[in-house]
Amino acid sequence: MNRRETLMALAAAAAAGLSNAVIAQSSGKVWRIGFLGPTVDDAPHLLAAFREGLREAGYVEGRNIVILYRWTTHRGVVIDANSMTASAQELIDQRVDVLAASIDPPIIAAKKVAGHTPIVMLNVSDPVALGLVSSLARPGGNITGLTRLSPELVGKNVQLLVELVPGARRIALLASTISAMTPLMTRVTREAVTARGLEFHVVEVRGVPELDDAFAAARRARADAVFVPGDGLFFVHRAQLAETALAQRLPAAFSYTENVEAGGLLAYSPSSTENYRRAGGFIDKILRGVNPGDIPIEQPTRFELAINLKTAKALGITVPQSLLVRADRVVE
């Protein structure tokens, strides 16, 4: 397409009120997008949503973009921080135009090595608390994206857990020792639990070998229920956590809807799928020349209450009608 044809295509798209797709595809440029996130085996729906969001913005693999993939999981195991940093460096070395990173550890790894390469955060817990950005409104530097509001949602999850298990007197927190957010999540969970006059206990989890014993440790500590915060370890091994919680007969609230779909009891959270899809709009703005540090970080506007009735029945829990009518997703 020559310059005159390109200008005509752009004018026609604007006149017709068409989406960004026409404009994005008319430039003739093939952009290089780096993706640092979980494999298709661990989260196929998230990768599909990421590609869908790019298509909605007019970017299609093999046509006007190349997506270079590096994975944060391997055979169902979350890779360590050094490996994540090395993977992020590989993408930077391949001169990607934008680097999309999934959750906290990959985002932190990308930030270390990106230099001036723009970063789009797909699902960050709290970028200000992590020191990744100056503020949500004006992130500054080379980074923008979407947050999950993880600390702000702790109180709601604890409230719902207590509503579902009104006899609970001690709530345990599963705390990943490798998560940078653990100190903050421990503090806000403690505050949410003790504000209700309940006892609080922390069960530390250092890695996969300790997952099987995590709920057993909570049971030994006389916990009546457990809150599991957002973390790559707890997301990837969501089926295993659901099984061990049920085996120990401990009701648990999780930070991802996917945990409930895998057999967990309860979750109140934003949609990870929606965040991955909406990332396409951020990438589009950056490729059009907008400084990522000037693009406000988006907070979720829609939240899902998910309840697994099959798990509740197995635990001998009768879900109150007041909770059922508020649920956005019920797994039966």
Protein backbone atom coordinates (compact mmCIF):
# COMPACT_ATOMS: atom_id res chain seq x y z
CA MET A 1 0.00 0.00 0.00
CA ASN A 2 1.47 3.40 -1.05
CA ARG A 3 1.25 6.61 0.97
CA ARG A 4 -1.85 7.90 -0.86
CA GLU A 5 -3.69 4.62 -0.38
CA THR A 6 -2.75 4.56 3.28
CA LEU A 7 -4.12 8.07 3.85
CA MET A 8 -7.32 7.17 2.04
CA ALA A 9 -7.75 4.06 4.20
CA LEU A 10 -7.26 6.06 7.37
CA ALA A 11 -9.73 8.71 6.27
CA ALA A 12 -12.32 6.13 5.31
CA ALA A 13 -11.96 4.37 8.64
CA ALA A 14 -12.42 7.61 10.57
CA ALA A 15 -15.41 8.65 8.47
CA ALA A 16 -17.13 5.34 8.98
CA GLY A 17 -16.43 5.35 12.71
CA LEU A 18 -14.66 2.03 12.43
CA SER A 19 -12.60 0.48 15.20
CA ASN A 20 -8.86 0.73 15.62
CA ALA A 21 -8.51 -2.50 13.64
CA VAL A 22 -8.53 -0.83 10.24
CA ILE A 23 -6.02 1.80 11.29
CA ALA A 24 -3.69 -0.68 12.96
CA GLN A 25 -3.62 -2.96 9.94
CA SER A 26 -3.04 -0.17 7.42
CA SER A 27 0.38 0.96 8.64
CA GLY A 28 2.27 -1.95 7.09
CA LYS A 29 4.37 -2.27 10.23
CA VAL A 30 4.87 -5.66 11.86
CA TRP A 31 5.19 -5.09 15.59
CA ARG A 32 6.98 -7.37 18.03
CA ILE A 33 5.06 -8.08 21.24
CA GLY A 34 6.71 -9.89 24.15
CA PHE A 35 4.54 -12.02 26.42
CA LEU A 36 5.82 -13.13 29.83
CA GLY A 37 3.14 -15.24 31.47
CA PRO A 38 1.74 -18.71 32.23
CA THR A 39 1.75 -21.41 29.56
CA VAL A 40 -1.30 -22.40 27.55
CA ASP A 41 -1.45 -25.61 29.62
CA ASP A 42 -1.76 -23.68 32.91
CA ALA A 43 -4.04 -20.85 31.75
CA PRO A 44 -5.39 -21.33 28.20
CA HIS A 45 -8.25 -18.90 28.79
CA LEU A 46 -5.88 -16.08 29.75
CA LEU A 47 -3.71 -16.47 26.68
CA ALA A 48 -6.82 -16.63 24.50
CA ALA A 49 -8.16 -13.44 26.11
CA PHE A 50 -4.83 -11.66 25.52
CA ARG A 51 -4.92 -12.54 21.82
CA GLU A 52 -8.59 -11.58 21.58
CA GLY A 53 -7.87 -8.14 23.03
CA LEU A 54 -5.12 -7.61 20.48
CA ARG A 55 -7.43 -8.67 17.65
CA GLU A 56 -10.08 -6.21 18.87
CA ALA A 57 -7.46 -3.47 18.63
CA GLY A 58 -6.55 -4.59 15.11
CA TYR A 59 -3.46 -6.73 15.75
CA VAL A 60 -3.35 -10.28 14.44
CA GLU A 61 -0.48 -12.73 14.75
CA GLY A 62 1.13 -13.42 11.41
CA ARG A 63 -0.35 -10.30 9.88
CA ASN A 64 0.82 -7.17 11.69
CA ILE A 65 2.27 -8.54 14.94
CA VAL A 66 4.63 -11.25 16.05
CA ILE A 67 4.18 -12.42 19.64
CA LEU A 68 7.33 -13.75 21.29
CA TYR A 69 6.45 -16.00 24.23
CA ARG A 70 8.39 -16.73 27.39
CA TRP A 71 6.67 -18.72 30.09
CA THR A 72 6.51 -18.14 33.84
CA THR A 73 5.51 -21.75 34.47
CA HIS A 74 7.08 -25.03 33.40
CA ARG A 75 5.27 -28.35 33.63
CA GLY A 76 2.82 -26.94 36.13
CA VAL A 77 5.48 -25.31 38.33
CA VAL A 78 6.11 -21.58 38.69
CA ILE A 79 9.71 -20.83 37.69
CA ASP A 80 12.00 -18.99 40.10
CA ALA A 81 12.73 -15.25 40.07
CA ASN A 82 16.13 -15.62 38.40
CA SER A 83 14.61 -17.64 35.56
CA MET A 84 11.85 -15.05 35.12
CA THR A 85 14.44 -12.28 34.90
CA ALA A 86 16.41 -14.27 32.33
CA SER A 87 13.26 -14.83 30.28
CA ALA A 88 12.41 -11.12 30.40
CA GLN A 89 15.96 -10.30 29.29
CA GLU A 90 15.61 -12.66 26.32
CA LEU A 91 12.54 -10.75 25.17
CA ILE A 92 14.27 -7.39 25.56
CA ASP A 93 17.27 -8.72 23.62
CA GLN A 94 14.91 -9.59 20.78
CA ARG A 95 13.91 -5.92 20.61
CA VAL A 96 10.23 -6.25 21.35
CA ASP A 97 8.21 -3.07 20.91
CA VAL A 98 6.11 -3.78 24.02
CA LEU A 99 6.53 -6.33 26.80
CA ALA A 100 3.32 -7.67 28.39
CA ALA A 101 3.92 -9.29 31.79
CA SER A 102 1.32 -11.27 33.72
CA ILE A 103 1.41 -11.00 37.54
CA ASP A 104 3.69 -9.55 40.22
CA PRO A 105 6.89 -11.66 39.90
CA PRO A 106 7.10 -11.48 36.08
CA ILE A 107 6.30 -7.76 36.17
CA ILE A 108 9.04 -7.14 38.73
CA ALA A 109 11.45 -9.19 36.61
CA ALA A 110 10.52 -7.25 33.47
CA LYS A 111 10.99 -3.92 35.25
CA LYS A 112 14.54 -4.88 36.20
CA VAL A 113 15.74 -5.42 32.65
CA ALA A 114 13.37 -3.51 30.35
CA GLY A 115 15.31 -0.27 30.16
CA HIS A 116 13.14 2.03 28.03
CA THR A 117 11.03 -0.78 26.52
CA PRO A 118 7.34 -0.19 27.40
CA ILE A 119 5.77 -2.66 29.82
CA VAL A 120 2.04 -3.46 30.07
CA MET A 121 1.07 -5.11 33.36
CA LEU A 122 -1.73 -7.61 32.80
CA ASN A 123 -2.81 -8.43 36.33
CA VAL A 124 -0.75 -6.68 39.00
CA SER A 125 -1.86 -6.76 42.64
CA ASP A 126 -0.79 -3.27 43.79
CA PRO A 127 1.79 -1.50 41.59
CA VAL A 128 2.22 1.44 43.96
CA ALA A 129 2.87 -0.78 47.00
CA LEU A 130 5.34 -2.81 44.93
CA GLY A 131 7.22 0.35 43.97
CA LEU A 132 6.59 -0.19 40.27
CA VAL A 133 4.86 3.15 39.63
CA SER A 134 4.50 6.55 41.26
CA SER A 135 0.70 6.54 41.17
CA LEU A 136 -2.19 4.91 39.34
CA ALA A 137 -3.19 8.14 37.63
CA ARG A 138 0.33 9.01 36.44
CA PRO A 139 2.49 5.89 36.60
CA GLY A 140 5.52 7.57 35.05
CA GLY A 141 8.47 5.81 33.44
CA ASN A 142 7.83 3.05 30.93
CA ILE A 143 5.08 1.06 32.62
CA THR A 144 1.27 0.96 32.69
CA GLY A 145 -1.49 -1.66 32.68
CA LEU A 146 -4.20 -3.16 34.83
CA THR A 147 -4.42 -3.84 38.57
CA ARG A 148 -6.46 -6.36 40.55
CA LEU A 149 -6.85 -4.21 43.69
CA SER A 150 -5.77 -7.26 45.72
CA PRO A 151 -5.27 -5.63 49.16
CA GLU A 152 -8.57 -3.74 48.91
CA LEU A 153 -10.51 -6.96 48.31
CA VAL A 154 -9.20 -8.85 51.35
CA GLY A 155 -11.83 -7.45 53.69
CA LYS A 156 -14.64 -8.44 51.33
CA ASN A 157 -13.34 -12.00 51.04
CA VAL A 158 -13.03 -12.33 54.80
CA GLN A 159 -16.54 -10.93 55.24
CA LEU A 160 -18.00 -13.42 52.77
CA LEU A 161 -16.08 -16.30 54.33
CA VAL A 162 -17.44 -15.47 57.78
CA GLU A 163 -20.92 -15.08 56.32
CA LEU A 164 -20.64 -18.55 54.80
CA VAL A 165 -19.07 -20.07 57.93
CA PRO A 166 -20.66 -18.07 60.77
CA GLY A 167 -19.23 -20.37 63.43
CA ALA A 168 -15.62 -19.63 62.45
CA ARG A 169 -13.50 -18.29 65.30
CA ARG A 170 -9.98 -18.49 63.82
CA ILE A 171 -9.04 -17.59 60.25
CA ALA A 172 -5.72 -18.68 58.75
CA LEU A 173 -3.87 -16.98 55.90
CA LEU A 174 -1.81 -18.97 53.41
CA ALA A 175 1.25 -16.77 52.88
CA SER A 176 3.74 -17.34 50.08
CA THR A 177 7.22 -16.53 51.37
CA ILE A 178 8.40 -15.67 47.84
CA SER A 179 5.71 -13.06 47.15
CA ALA A 180 6.67 -9.40 47.49
CA MET A 181 3.08 -8.64 48.50
CA THR A 182 2.99 -11.03 51.47
CA PRO A 183 3.86 -8.46 54.18
CA LEU A 184 1.08 -6.12 53.02
CA MET A 185 -1.43 -8.93 52.49
CA THR A 186 -0.65 -10.33 55.93
CA ARG A 187 -1.25 -6.95 57.53
CA VAL A 188 -4.55 -6.22 55.79
CA THR A 189 -5.83 -9.76 56.37
CA ARG A 190 -4.94 -9.54 60.04
CA GLU A 191 -6.81 -6.24 60.28
CA ALA A 192 -9.86 -7.65 58.48
CA VAL A 193 -9.97 -10.72 60.73
CA THR A 194 -9.32 -9.09 64.09
CA ALA A 195 -11.77 -6.26 63.31
CA ARG A 196 -14.47 -8.95 63.44
CA GLY A 197 -13.28 -10.16 66.82
CA LEU A 198 -11.74 -13.32 65.36
CA GLU A 199 -8.32 -14.92 65.84
CA PHE A 200 -5.71 -14.79 63.09
CA HIS A 201 -3.03 -17.29 62.12
CA VAL A 202 -0.42 -17.37 59.33
CA VAL A 203 0.61 -20.54 57.50
CA GLU A 204 3.77 -19.92 55.47
CA VAL A 205 4.23 -21.73 52.16
CA ARG A 206 7.72 -21.73 50.63
CA GLY A 207 6.99 -23.74 47.52
CA VAL A 208 5.22 -26.68 45.90
CA PRO A 209 6.42 -29.34 48.39
CA GLU A 210 4.60 -27.53 51.20
CA LEU A 211 1.26 -27.17 49.42
CA ASP A 212 -0.02 -30.60 50.47
CA ASP A 213 0.61 -29.79 54.12
CA ALA A 214 -0.63 -26.19 54.02
CA PHE A 215 -4.22 -26.89 55.03
CA ALA A 216 -3.13 -29.62 57.43
CA ALA A 217 -0.95 -27.01 59.15
CA ALA A 218 -3.95 -24.68 59.33
CA ARG A 219 -6.01 -27.48 60.84
CA ARG A 220 -3.30 -28.19 63.42
CA ALA A 221 -3.41 -24.50 64.32
CA ARG A 222 -7.15 -24.93 65.01
CA ALA A 223 -8.20 -22.72 62.10
CA ASP A 224 -11.88 -22.88 61.17
CA ALA A 225 -11.42 -21.35 57.72
CA VAL A 226 -8.63 -20.17 55.42
CA PHE A 227 -8.04 -17.20 53.13
CA VAL A 228 -5.76 -17.80 50.12
CA PRO A 229 -4.48 -14.56 48.53
CA GLY A 230 -3.56 -14.04 44.90
CA ASP A 231 -0.22 -15.60 43.97
CA GLY A 232 1.13 -17.48 40.96
CA LEU A 233 1.84 -20.53 43.11
CA PHE A 234 -1.74 -20.67 44.38
CA PHE A 235 -3.16 -20.04 40.89
CA VAL A 236 -1.18 -22.67 39.00
CA HIS A 237 -1.80 -25.31 41.68
CA ARG A 238 -5.45 -24.39 42.20
CA ALA A 239 -6.75 -27.95 41.78
CA GLN A 240 -4.26 -29.28 44.31
CA LEU A 241 -5.21 -26.60 46.83
CA ALA A 242 -8.91 -27.32 46.40
CA GLU A 243 -8.33 -31.03 46.98
CA THR A 244 -6.22 -30.53 50.11
CA ALA A 245 -8.69 -28.00 51.56
CA LEU A 246 -11.50 -30.48 51.08
CA ALA A 247 -9.43 -33.34 52.49
CA GLN A 248 -8.82 -31.29 55.64
CA ARG A 249 -12.47 -30.16 55.64
CA LEU A 250 -11.48 -26.51 55.78
CA PRO A 251 -13.64 -23.86 54.08
CA ALA A 252 -11.46 -21.49 52.06
CA ALA A 253 -11.88 -18.19 50.25
CA PHE A 254 -9.62 -17.57 47.27
CA SER A 255 -8.53 -14.53 45.26
CA TYR A 256 -9.24 -15.97 41.81
CA THR A 257 -12.49 -17.21 40.30
CA GLU A 258 -10.39 -19.93 38.68
CA ASN A 259 -9.74 -21.42 42.14
CA VAL A 260 -13.49 -21.90 42.61
CA GLU A 261 -13.82 -23.46 39.16
CA ALA A 262 -11.09 -25.90 40.20
CA GLY A 263 -13.00 -26.91 43.34
CA GLY A 264 -12.35 -24.10 45.80
CA LEU A 265 -15.27 -22.94 47.91
CA LEU A 266 -15.48 -19.18 47.48
CA ALA A 267 -13.90 -16.21 45.72
CA TYR A 268 -14.64 -12.53 45.31
CA SER A 269 -12.41 -11.06 42.64
CA PRO A 270 -12.10 -9.13 39.41
CA SER A 271 -11.94 -11.09 36.18
CA SER A 272 -8.41 -12.08 35.19
CA THR A 273 -9.72 -12.88 31.72
CA GLU A 274 -11.07 -9.35 31.33
CA ASN A 275 -7.75 -7.83 32.41
CA TYR A 276 -5.83 -9.88 29.84
CA ARG A 277 -8.30 -8.91 27.12
CA ARG A 278 -8.23 -5.22 27.97
CA ALA A 279 -4.43 -5.20 27.72
CA GLY A 280 -4.81 -5.00 23.95
CA GLY A 281 -6.03 -1.44 24.25
CA PHE A 282 -2.95 -0.43 26.25
CA ILE A 283 -0.63 -2.03 23.73
CA ASP A 284 -2.44 -0.26 20.91
CA LYS A 285 -1.97 3.16 22.53
CA ILE A 286 1.73 2.53 23.06
CA LEU A 287 2.27 1.38 19.49
CA ARG A 288 0.60 4.57 18.35
CA GLY A 289 3.21 6.59 20.21
CA VAL A 290 1.60 7.32 23.59
CA ASN A 291 4.09 7.37 26.45
CA PRO A 292 3.19 4.43 28.76
CA GLY A 293 3.96 6.54 31.82
CA ASP A 294 1.15 8.90 30.78
CA ILE A 295 -1.47 6.14 30.47
CA PRO A 296 -3.38 5.78 33.77
CA ILE A 297 -3.37 2.31 35.28
CA GLU A 298 -6.88 0.88 35.15
CA GLN A 299 -8.61 -0.54 38.18
CA PRO A 300 -11.26 -3.24 37.82
CA THR A 301 -14.83 -2.01 37.71
CA ARG A 302 -16.56 -5.39 37.77
CA PHE A 303 -16.17 -8.06 40.43
CA GLU A 304 -17.39 -11.63 40.58
CA LEU A 305 -18.67 -13.57 43.56
CA ALA A 306 -18.13 -17.24 42.78
CA ILE A 307 -19.37 -20.10 44.95
CA ASN A 308 -18.83 -23.84 44.46
CA LEU A 309 -21.99 -25.56 45.69
CA LYS A 310 -20.53 -29.03 45.19
CA THR A 311 -17.65 -28.19 47.54
CA ALA A 312 -20.01 -26.55 50.03
CA LYS A 313 -22.14 -29.71 50.12
CA ALA A 314 -19.05 -31.89 50.60
CA LEU A 315 -18.04 -29.70 53.54
CA GLY A 316 -21.52 -29.87 55.04
CA ILE A 317 -22.10 -26.14 54.47
CA THR A 318 -25.51 -24.77 53.58
CA VAL A 319 -25.00 -21.67 51.47
CA PRO A 320 -27.36 -18.90 52.66
CA GLN A 321 -29.88 -17.70 50.10
CA SER A 322 -28.59 -14.17 50.69
CA LEU A 323 -25.23 -15.26 49.25
CA LEU A 324 -26.68 -17.28 46.39
CA VAL A 325 -28.69 -14.37 45.03
CA ARG A 326 -25.57 -12.18 45.04
CA ALA A 327 -23.37 -14.78 43.34
CA ASP A 328 -22.27 -14.06 39.79
CA ARG A 329 -21.03 -17.59 39.21
CA VAL A 330 -22.26 -20.77 40.87
CA VAL A 331 -20.40 -24.01 40.25
CA GLU A 332 -22.61 -27.09 40.68
